[in-house]
Amino acid sequence: MAIFLTIGLIGLLSNPELTFASMIPAFFLQMLLGAFLGWFCGWLMTVIINRLHLEAEDTLFFLSDTETLHEIKQILKLV
């Protein structure tokens, strides 16, 4: 929200014909548009992620090797 206010104030300073009252509708329009786009993109990402079919055996195959598992434990102890 601060960036919209900053850009609006810079616009007021650079263009003396603008008034503070003319900034208010533009500010609310930007807030509503941003809220809608944020909601829509979040909804779309959940739809896309829910359609992905990931199998645990394919992604965690390296943990079946006990030597690799032991190495990971050693690394974690160092951190």
Protein backbone atom coordinates (compact mmCIF):
# COMPACT_ATOMS: atom_id res chain seq x y z
CA MET A 1 0.00 0.00 0.00
CA ALA A 2 2.88 2.36 0.70
CA ILE A 3 4.10 2.23 -2.88
CA PHE A 4 0.71 3.38 -4.17
CA LEU A 5 0.68 6.29 -1.74
CA THR A 6 4.26 7.20 -2.62
CA ILE A 7 3.58 7.16 -6.35
CA GLY A 8 0.40 9.16 -5.79
CA LEU A 9 2.22 11.82 -3.77
CA ILE A 10 4.99 12.04 -6.37
CA GLY A 11 2.27 12.48 -8.98
CA LEU A 12 0.77 15.29 -6.92
CA LEU A 13 4.11 17.03 -6.61
CA SER A 14 5.01 16.65 -10.28
CA ASN A 15 1.60 17.63 -11.64
CA PRO A 16 0.12 20.65 -9.86
CA GLU A 17 -3.21 20.24 -11.70
CA LEU A 18 -3.98 17.08 -9.72
CA THR A 19 -5.73 17.36 -6.38
CA PHE A 20 -5.71 15.04 -3.41
CA ALA A 21 -9.38 14.29 -4.04
CA SER A 22 -8.59 13.04 -7.54
CA MET A 23 -6.12 10.56 -6.04
CA ILE A 24 -8.66 8.82 -3.79
CA PRO A 25 -10.64 6.94 -6.49
CA ALA A 26 -7.44 5.81 -8.19
CA PHE A 27 -6.06 4.57 -4.87
CA PHE A 28 -9.16 2.48 -4.13
CA LEU A 29 -9.26 1.15 -7.68
CA GLN A 30 -5.65 0.00 -7.34
CA MET A 31 -6.38 -1.61 -3.97
CA LEU A 32 -9.43 -3.46 -5.29
CA LEU A 33 -7.64 -4.58 -8.43
CA GLY A 34 -4.65 -5.77 -6.39
CA ALA A 35 -6.87 -7.66 -3.95
CA PHE A 36 -8.76 -9.36 -6.77
CA LEU A 37 -5.60 -10.31 -8.67
CA GLY A 38 -4.01 -11.63 -5.47
CA TRP A 39 -7.07 -13.74 -4.69
CA PHE A 40 -7.33 -15.01 -8.28
CA CYS A 41 -3.65 -15.92 -8.55
CA GLY A 42 -3.80 -17.72 -5.19
CA TRP A 43 -6.87 -19.66 -6.29
CA LEU A 44 -5.28 -20.52 -9.63
CA MET A 45 -2.10 -21.77 -7.96
CA THR A 46 -4.08 -24.07 -5.65
CA VAL A 47 -5.91 -25.51 -8.67
CA ILE A 48 -2.64 -26.06 -10.53
CA ILE A 49 -0.84 -27.57 -7.53
CA ASN A 50 -3.76 -29.87 -6.72
CA ARG A 51 -3.65 -31.25 -10.28
CA LEU A 52 0.01 -32.23 -9.98
CA HIS A 53 0.51 -35.91 -9.29
CA LEU A 54 3.71 -36.39 -7.30
CA GLU A 55 4.71 -39.79 -6.06
CA ALA A 56 6.75 -40.04 -2.89
CA GLU A 57 8.77 -42.99 -4.19
CA ASP A 58 10.11 -40.92 -7.08
CA THR A 59 11.01 -37.87 -5.03
CA LEU A 60 12.54 -39.60 -2.00
CA PHE A 61 14.33 -42.49 -3.67
CA PHE A 62 17.72 -41.44 -2.29
CA LEU A 63 16.58 -41.95 1.31
CA SER A 64 16.33 -45.69 0.77
CA ASP A 65 20.10 -45.90 0.70
CA THR A 66 21.26 -46.19 4.33
CA GLU A 67 24.68 -44.75 3.56
CA THR A 68 23.13 -41.64 2.03
CA LEU A 69 20.77 -41.33 4.99
CA HIS A 70 23.74 -41.57 7.36
CA GLU A 71 25.57 -38.83 5.41
CA ILE A 72 22.53 -36.55 5.60
CA LYS A 73 22.35 -37.06 9.37
CA GLN A 74 26.03 -36.18 9.68
CA ILE A 75 25.59 -33.01 7.65
CA LEU A 76 22.61 -31.96 9.77
CA LYS A 77 24.62 -32.48 12.94
CA LEU A 78 27.28 -30.10 11.62
CA VAL A 79 24.77 -27.37 10.94
